[in-house]
Amino acid sequence: MLNDEIRELLDKISSQTRRNYNHLLHDLNLHVGQDNLLCKLWREDGLTQVELCNKLNCEAPTVTNMVKALEKKGLIIRRKDCTDKRITRIFLTDAGRNLEAPVNEKWRKQQDRLLSDITLDERMLLRRLLKQMEANLF
């Protein structure tokens, strides 16, 4: 049945993409997901964990574990908010900021592999269909 085949293809592509990308990130001592958290901070440093949960569409324990791991690696630090000491904000360290270009290069490699032999028109159609699927979920 077509729906089963689509589900299987989405599952297969998702898991293999994750596996391949995780292998690429291993060189940077990162795991899939940690790069997304760093990416949010590269765009907007000083987010709270709640803000990161919302932006990453993750549960709080997942973000907490990623924050702890990245802090242990010296890529981020937690600091109290200047105006409200009850709030803790997450900031990039210099080491965390320095990973932006290498992580982006790893993602470009992954994306190039995934989209090789797909024309620009096909990519635009794929993007439109994926956005439509995303809208169906949210």
N, C-alpha and C. Protein backbone atom coordinates (compact mmCIF):
# COMPACT_ATOMS: atom_id res chain seq x y z
N MET A 1 0.85 -1.18 0.00
CA MET A 1 0.00 0.00 0.00
C MET A 1 0.89 1.25 0.00
N LEU A 2 0.46 2.27 -0.68
CA LEU A 2 1.25 3.49 -0.85
C LEU A 2 1.59 4.16 0.48
N ASN A 3 0.61 4.27 1.38
CA ASN A 3 0.86 4.92 2.67
C ASN A 3 1.93 4.19 3.47
N ASP A 4 1.90 2.85 3.42
CA ASP A 4 2.92 2.07 4.13
C ASP A 4 4.31 2.31 3.52
N GLU A 5 4.35 2.38 2.20
CA GLU A 5 5.63 2.61 1.53
C GLU A 5 6.18 3.99 1.87
N ILE A 6 5.31 5.00 1.91
CA ILE A 6 5.74 6.36 2.27
C ILE A 6 6.27 6.38 3.69
N ARG A 7 5.54 5.74 4.61
CA ARG A 7 5.98 5.69 6.01
C ARG A 7 7.35 5.02 6.11
N GLU A 8 7.50 3.89 5.44
CA GLU A 8 8.77 3.17 5.48
C GLU A 8 9.91 4.00 4.89
N LEU A 9 9.64 4.68 3.80
CA LEU A 9 10.67 5.53 3.19
C LEU A 9 11.05 6.67 4.12
N LEU A 10 10.07 7.33 4.72
CA LEU A 10 10.36 8.42 5.66
C LEU A 10 11.17 7.92 6.84
N ASP A 11 10.79 6.76 7.39
CA ASP A 11 11.53 6.18 8.51
C ASP A 11 12.97 5.85 8.11
N LYS A 12 13.11 5.22 6.96
CA LYS A 12 14.43 4.80 6.48
C LYS A 12 15.33 6.01 6.22
N ILE A 13 14.79 7.00 5.53
CA ILE A 13 15.57 8.21 5.23
C ILE A 13 15.94 8.93 6.51
N SER A 14 15.00 9.04 7.42
CA SER A 14 15.24 9.75 8.68
C SER A 14 16.34 9.06 9.50
N SER A 15 16.22 7.75 9.67
CA SER A 15 17.20 7.05 10.51
C SER A 15 18.58 7.02 9.85
N GLN A 16 18.64 6.81 8.54
CA GLN A 16 19.95 6.78 7.87
C GLN A 16 20.59 8.16 7.83
N THR A 17 19.79 9.19 7.62
CA THR A 17 20.31 10.56 7.63
C THR A 17 20.88 10.88 9.00
N ARG A 18 20.14 10.51 10.04
CA ARG A 18 20.59 10.75 11.41
C ARG A 18 21.90 10.00 11.69
N ARG A 19 21.96 8.75 11.26
CA ARG A 19 23.16 7.93 11.47
C ARG A 19 24.36 8.54 10.74
N ASN A 20 24.17 8.90 9.48
CA ASN A 20 25.27 9.49 8.70
C ASN A 20 25.74 10.81 9.30
N TYR A 21 24.78 11.65 9.68
CA TYR A 21 25.13 12.96 10.23
C TYR A 21 25.81 12.81 11.59
N ASN A 22 25.34 11.87 12.38
CA ASN A 22 25.97 11.61 13.68
C ASN A 22 27.43 11.21 13.48
N HIS A 23 27.68 10.41 12.45
CA HIS A 23 29.05 10.00 12.13
C HIS A 23 29.91 11.22 11.77
N LEU A 24 29.36 12.14 10.98
CA LEU A 24 30.09 13.36 10.61
C LEU A 24 30.36 14.23 11.84
N LEU A 25 29.37 14.35 12.72
CA LEU A 25 29.52 15.20 13.91
C LEU A 25 30.49 14.61 14.92
N HIS A 26 30.70 13.30 14.85
CA HIS A 26 31.61 12.63 15.79
C HIS A 26 33.00 13.28 15.77
N ASP A 27 33.43 13.72 14.60
CA ASP A 27 34.74 14.39 14.47
C ASP A 27 34.81 15.66 15.32
N LEU A 28 33.64 16.26 15.58
CA LEU A 28 33.58 17.50 16.37
C LEU A 28 33.19 17.23 17.83
N ASN A 29 33.12 15.94 18.19
CA ASN A 29 32.72 15.53 19.54
C ASN A 29 31.29 15.99 19.86
N LEU A 30 30.42 15.91 18.86
CA LEU A 30 29.01 16.27 19.03
C LEU A 30 28.13 15.12 18.58
N HIS A 31 26.88 15.16 19.04
CA HIS A 31 25.85 14.21 18.62
C HIS A 31 24.72 14.98 17.96
N VAL A 32 23.96 14.28 17.12
CA VAL A 32 22.79 14.89 16.49
C VAL A 32 21.88 15.43 17.59
N GLY A 33 21.40 16.61 17.42
CA GLY A 33 20.57 17.29 18.42
C GLY A 33 21.36 18.38 19.12
N GLN A 34 22.59 18.04 19.51
CA GLN A 34 23.43 19.05 20.13
C GLN A 34 23.75 20.16 19.15
N ASP A 35 23.92 19.80 17.89
CA ASP A 35 24.19 20.81 16.86
C ASP A 35 23.00 21.75 16.71
N ASN A 36 21.78 21.22 16.84
CA ASN A 36 20.59 22.07 16.75
C ASN A 36 20.52 23.07 17.89
N LEU A 37 20.86 22.61 19.09
CA LEU A 37 20.86 23.52 20.24
C LEU A 37 21.90 24.62 20.03
N LEU A 38 23.09 24.24 19.59
CA LEU A 38 24.11 25.24 19.32
C LEU A 38 23.65 26.21 18.23
N CYS A 39 23.00 25.69 17.22
CA CYS A 39 22.50 26.53 16.12
C CYS A 39 21.54 27.59 16.63
N LYS A 40 20.67 27.22 17.56
CA LYS A 40 19.73 28.20 18.12
C LYS A 40 20.49 29.30 18.87
N LEU A 41 21.56 28.91 19.56
CA LEU A 41 22.36 29.90 20.29
C LEU A 41 23.22 30.74 19.34
N TRP A 42 23.65 30.17 18.23
CA TRP A 42 24.39 30.98 17.24
C TRP A 42 23.50 32.08 16.70
N ARG A 43 22.23 31.79 16.59
CA ARG A 43 21.28 32.79 16.08
C ARG A 43 20.85 33.77 17.17
N GLU A 44 20.75 33.26 18.41
CA GLU A 44 20.24 34.09 19.51
C GLU A 44 20.86 33.59 20.82
N ASP A 45 22.01 34.09 21.15
CA ASP A 45 22.72 33.68 22.35
C ASP A 45 21.97 34.17 23.59
N GLY A 46 22.06 33.41 24.67
CA GLY A 46 21.46 33.83 25.93
C GLY A 46 20.02 33.39 26.12
N LEU A 47 19.62 32.32 25.46
CA LEU A 47 18.26 31.81 25.62
C LEU A 47 18.13 31.07 26.95
N THR A 48 16.91 30.98 27.44
CA THR A 48 16.64 30.15 28.62
C THR A 48 16.39 28.72 28.16
N GLN A 49 16.37 27.78 29.10
CA GLN A 49 16.09 26.40 28.73
C GLN A 49 14.66 26.25 28.22
N VAL A 50 13.73 27.00 28.77
CA VAL A 50 12.34 26.96 28.29
C VAL A 50 12.28 27.45 26.84
N GLU A 51 12.99 28.52 26.55
CA GLU A 51 13.02 29.04 25.18
C GLU A 51 13.65 28.02 24.23
N LEU A 52 14.70 27.35 24.68
CA LEU A 52 15.33 26.31 23.86
C LEU A 52 14.37 25.15 23.62
N CYS A 53 13.63 24.75 24.65
CA CYS A 53 12.63 23.68 24.49
C CYS A 53 11.64 24.05 23.40
N ASN A 54 11.15 25.27 23.45
CA ASN A 54 10.17 25.72 22.46
C ASN A 54 10.76 25.77 21.06
N LYS A 55 11.96 26.31 20.93
CA LYS A 55 12.59 26.45 19.61
C LYS A 55 13.00 25.10 19.02
N LEU A 56 13.36 24.16 19.89
CA LEU A 56 13.80 22.84 19.43
C LEU A 56 12.66 21.83 19.35
N ASN A 57 11.50 22.23 19.89
CA ASN A 57 10.35 21.33 19.94
C ASN A 57 10.72 20.04 20.68
N CYS A 58 11.39 20.21 21.83
CA CYS A 58 11.85 19.10 22.66
C CYS A 58 11.27 19.21 24.06
N GLU A 59 11.27 18.10 24.75
CA GLU A 59 10.86 18.08 26.15
C GLU A 59 12.00 18.63 27.02
N ALA A 60 11.63 19.15 28.18
CA ALA A 60 12.60 19.76 29.09
C ALA A 60 13.74 18.82 29.47
N PRO A 61 13.48 17.55 29.82
CA PRO A 61 14.59 16.67 30.19
C PRO A 61 15.61 16.48 29.06
N THR A 62 15.14 16.45 27.83
CA THR A 62 16.05 16.31 26.68
C THR A 62 16.98 17.51 26.59
N VAL A 63 16.41 18.71 26.71
CA VAL A 63 17.22 19.93 26.64
C VAL A 63 18.16 20.00 27.83
N THR A 64 17.68 19.63 29.01
CA THR A 64 18.53 19.63 30.21
C THR A 64 19.76 18.75 30.00
N ASN A 65 19.54 17.55 29.46
CA ASN A 65 20.67 16.63 29.22
C ASN A 65 21.64 17.19 28.18
N MET A 66 21.11 17.81 27.13
CA MET A 66 21.99 18.41 26.11
C MET A 66 22.78 19.57 26.70
N VAL A 67 22.12 20.40 27.49
CA VAL A 67 22.80 21.55 28.11
C VAL A 67 23.93 21.05 29.01
N LYS A 68 23.65 20.04 29.83
CA LYS A 68 24.68 19.49 30.71
C LYS A 68 25.87 18.96 29.91
N ALA A 69 25.57 18.22 28.84
CA ALA A 69 26.65 17.63 28.03
C ALA A 69 27.48 18.71 27.34
N LEU A 70 26.82 19.71 26.79
CA LEU A 70 27.55 20.78 26.09
C LEU A 70 28.32 21.66 27.08
N GLU A 71 27.77 21.84 28.27
CA GLU A 71 28.48 22.60 29.30
C GLU A 71 29.73 21.84 29.74
N LYS A 72 29.60 20.53 29.90
CA LYS A 72 30.74 19.69 30.29
C LYS A 72 31.86 19.75 29.24
N LYS A 73 31.48 19.90 27.97
CA LYS A 73 32.45 19.99 26.88
C LYS A 73 33.03 21.40 26.75
N GLY A 74 32.52 22.33 27.55
CA GLY A 74 33.04 23.70 27.52
C GLY A 74 32.52 24.53 26.36
N LEU A 75 31.38 24.12 25.78
CA LEU A 75 30.84 24.82 24.62
C LEU A 75 29.80 25.87 25.00
N ILE A 76 29.20 25.71 26.17
CA ILE A 76 28.21 26.68 26.67
C ILE A 76 28.42 26.88 28.16
N ILE A 77 27.87 27.98 28.65
CA ILE A 77 27.86 28.24 30.10
C ILE A 77 26.47 28.73 30.48
N ARG A 78 26.12 28.50 31.73
CA ARG A 78 24.85 29.00 32.27
C ARG A 78 25.15 30.19 33.17
N ARG A 79 24.34 31.24 33.00
CA ARG A 79 24.48 32.43 33.85
C ARG A 79 23.10 32.93 34.25
N LYS A 80 23.04 33.50 35.42
CA LYS A 80 21.79 34.10 35.90
C LYS A 80 21.48 35.34 35.06
N ASP A 81 20.21 35.55 34.84
CA ASP A 81 19.74 36.73 34.11
C ASP A 81 20.10 37.99 34.91
N CYS A 82 20.47 39.04 34.20
CA CYS A 82 20.89 40.29 34.85
C CYS A 82 19.76 40.94 35.64
N THR A 83 18.54 40.85 35.14
CA THR A 83 17.42 41.55 35.78
C THR A 83 16.57 40.65 36.65
N ASP A 84 16.56 39.35 36.40
CA ASP A 84 15.75 38.42 37.19
C ASP A 84 16.61 37.20 37.53
N LYS A 85 17.11 37.17 38.75
CA LYS A 85 18.06 36.13 39.17
C LYS A 85 17.42 34.74 39.22
N ARG A 86 16.09 34.65 39.08
CA ARG A 86 15.44 33.34 39.05
C ARG A 86 15.62 32.66 37.69
N ILE A 87 15.98 33.45 36.70
CA ILE A 87 16.11 32.94 35.33
C ILE A 87 17.58 32.66 35.03
N THR A 88 17.83 31.49 34.45
CA THR A 88 19.17 31.13 34.01
C THR A 88 19.20 31.14 32.49
N ARG A 89 20.20 31.78 31.95
CA ARG A 89 20.36 31.87 30.50
C ARG A 89 21.56 31.04 30.06
N ILE A 90 21.48 30.54 28.83
CA ILE A 90 22.54 29.71 28.26
C ILE A 90 23.31 30.55 27.24
N PHE A 91 24.62 30.60 27.41
CA PHE A 91 25.48 31.38 26.51
C PHE A 91 26.56 30.49 25.91
N LEU A 92 26.93 30.81 24.69
CA LEU A 92 28.04 30.13 24.03
C LEU A 92 29.37 30.58 24.62
N THR A 93 30.30 29.66 24.72
CA THR A 93 31.68 30.03 25.02
C THR A 93 32.37 30.29 23.68
N ASP A 94 33.62 30.74 23.73
CA ASP A 94 34.37 30.92 22.48
C ASP A 94 34.47 29.60 21.72
N ALA A 95 34.69 28.51 22.46
CA ALA A 95 34.78 27.19 21.82
C ALA A 95 33.47 26.83 21.12
N GLY A 96 32.35 27.17 21.74
CA GLY A 96 31.04 26.92 21.13
C GLY A 96 30.82 27.75 19.89
N ARG A 97 31.22 29.02 19.96
CA ARG A 97 31.09 29.90 18.79
C ARG A 97 31.98 29.42 17.63
N ASN A 98 33.15 28.90 17.98
CA ASN A 98 34.09 28.45 16.96
C ASN A 98 33.63 27.20 16.21
N LEU A 99 32.62 26.52 16.73
CA LEU A 99 32.12 25.32 16.06
C LEU A 99 31.11 25.62 14.96
N GLU A 100 30.66 26.87 14.86
CA GLU A 100 29.61 27.19 13.88
C GLU A 100 30.02 26.82 12.45
N ALA A 101 31.17 27.26 12.02
CA ALA A 101 31.60 26.97 10.64
C ALA A 101 31.81 25.47 10.40
N PRO A 102 32.50 24.76 11.30
CA PRO A 102 32.67 23.31 11.07
C PRO A 102 31.35 22.54 11.07
N VAL A 103 30.43 22.90 11.96
CA VAL A 103 29.13 22.21 11.99
C VAL A 103 28.36 22.50 10.70
N ASN A 104 28.37 23.75 10.27
CA ASN A 104 27.68 24.09 9.02
C ASN A 104 28.28 23.35 7.83
N GLU A 105 29.59 23.17 7.84
CA GLU A 105 30.25 22.42 6.76
C GLU A 105 29.82 20.95 6.79
N LYS A 106 29.73 20.37 7.97
CA LYS A 106 29.27 18.97 8.09
C LYS A 106 27.84 18.85 7.57
N TRP A 107 26.99 19.82 7.93
CA TRP A 107 25.60 19.77 7.46
C TRP A 107 25.54 19.92 5.94
N ARG A 108 26.37 20.80 5.37
CA ARG A 108 26.40 20.96 3.91
C ARG A 108 26.80 19.64 3.23
N LYS A 109 27.78 18.96 3.81
CA LYS A 109 28.20 17.65 3.28
C LYS A 109 27.04 16.67 3.30
N GLN A 110 26.35 16.63 4.43
CA GLN A 110 25.21 15.73 4.58
C GLN A 110 24.11 16.08 3.58
N GLN A 111 23.83 17.34 3.46
CA GLN A 111 22.78 17.81 2.56
C GLN A 111 23.14 17.54 1.10
N ASP A 112 24.40 17.76 0.75
CA ASP A 112 24.84 17.49 -0.62
C ASP A 112 24.67 16.01 -0.97
N ARG A 113 25.02 15.16 -0.02
CA ARG A 113 24.87 13.72 -0.25
C ARG A 113 23.39 13.35 -0.39
N LEU A 114 22.58 13.87 0.49
CA LEU A 114 21.16 13.55 0.50
C LEU A 114 20.45 14.04 -0.76
N LEU A 115 20.86 15.20 -1.25
CA LEU A 115 20.15 15.82 -2.37
C LEU A 115 20.86 15.67 -3.72
N SER A 116 21.93 14.89 -3.75
CA SER A 116 22.62 14.69 -5.03
C SER A 116 21.65 14.05 -6.02
N ASP A 117 21.81 14.39 -7.27
CA ASP A 117 20.94 13.88 -8.35
C ASP A 117 19.49 14.35 -8.25
N ILE A 118 19.24 15.37 -7.46
CA ILE A 118 17.89 15.96 -7.38
C ILE A 118 18.00 17.38 -7.92
N THR A 119 17.22 17.67 -8.93
CA THR A 119 17.29 18.98 -9.59
C THR A 119 16.76 20.08 -8.69
N LEU A 120 17.03 21.31 -9.06
CA LEU A 120 16.53 22.46 -8.31
C LEU A 120 15.01 22.46 -8.27
N ASP A 121 14.37 22.19 -9.39
CA ASP A 121 12.91 22.13 -9.43
C ASP A 121 12.37 21.05 -8.50
N GLU A 122 13.03 19.90 -8.49
CA GLU A 122 12.61 18.81 -7.60
C GLU A 122 12.82 19.19 -6.13
N ARG A 123 13.90 19.90 -5.86
CA ARG A 123 14.16 20.35 -4.48
C ARG A 123 13.09 21.34 -4.03
N MET A 124 12.69 22.21 -4.92
CA MET A 124 11.65 23.18 -4.58
C MET A 124 10.32 22.47 -4.32
N LEU A 125 10.01 21.47 -5.13
CA LEU A 125 8.80 20.67 -4.92
C LEU A 125 8.89 19.91 -3.60
N LEU A 126 10.04 19.32 -3.33
CA LEU A 126 10.24 18.59 -2.08
C LEU A 126 10.04 19.51 -0.89
N ARG A 127 10.63 20.70 -0.94
CA ARG A 127 10.47 21.67 0.15
C ARG A 127 9.00 22.01 0.36
N ARG A 128 8.28 22.25 -0.73
CA ARG A 128 6.86 22.60 -0.62
C ARG A 128 6.07 21.45 0.01
N LEU A 129 6.34 20.23 -0.40
CA LEU A 129 5.63 19.08 0.15
C LEU A 129 5.98 18.86 1.62
N LEU A 130 7.25 19.02 1.97
CA LEU A 130 7.65 18.86 3.37
C LEU A 130 7.02 19.94 4.25
N LYS A 131 6.95 21.16 3.76
CA LYS A 131 6.30 22.23 4.52
C LYS A 131 4.81 21.94 4.69
N GLN A 132 4.21 21.39 3.68
CA GLN A 132 2.80 21.02 3.76
C GLN A 132 2.60 19.91 4.80
N MET A 133 3.50 18.93 4.81
CA MET A 133 3.43 17.86 5.80
C MET A 133 3.64 18.41 7.21
N GLU A 134 4.59 19.33 7.34
CA GLU A 134 4.84 19.96 8.64
C GLU A 134 3.59 20.70 9.12
N ALA A 135 2.95 21.44 8.23
CA ALA A 135 1.74 22.17 8.59
C ALA A 135 0.63 21.22 9.03
N ASN A 136 0.57 20.05 8.43
CA ASN A 136 -0.43 19.06 8.83
C ASN A 136 -0.22 18.57 10.26
N LEU A 137 1.03 18.60 10.71
CA LEU A 137 1.35 18.12 12.06
C LEU A 137 1.12 19.18 13.13
N PHE A 138 1.27 20.45 12.77
CA PHE A 138 1.20 21.51 13.77
C PHE A 138 0.00 22.34 13.58
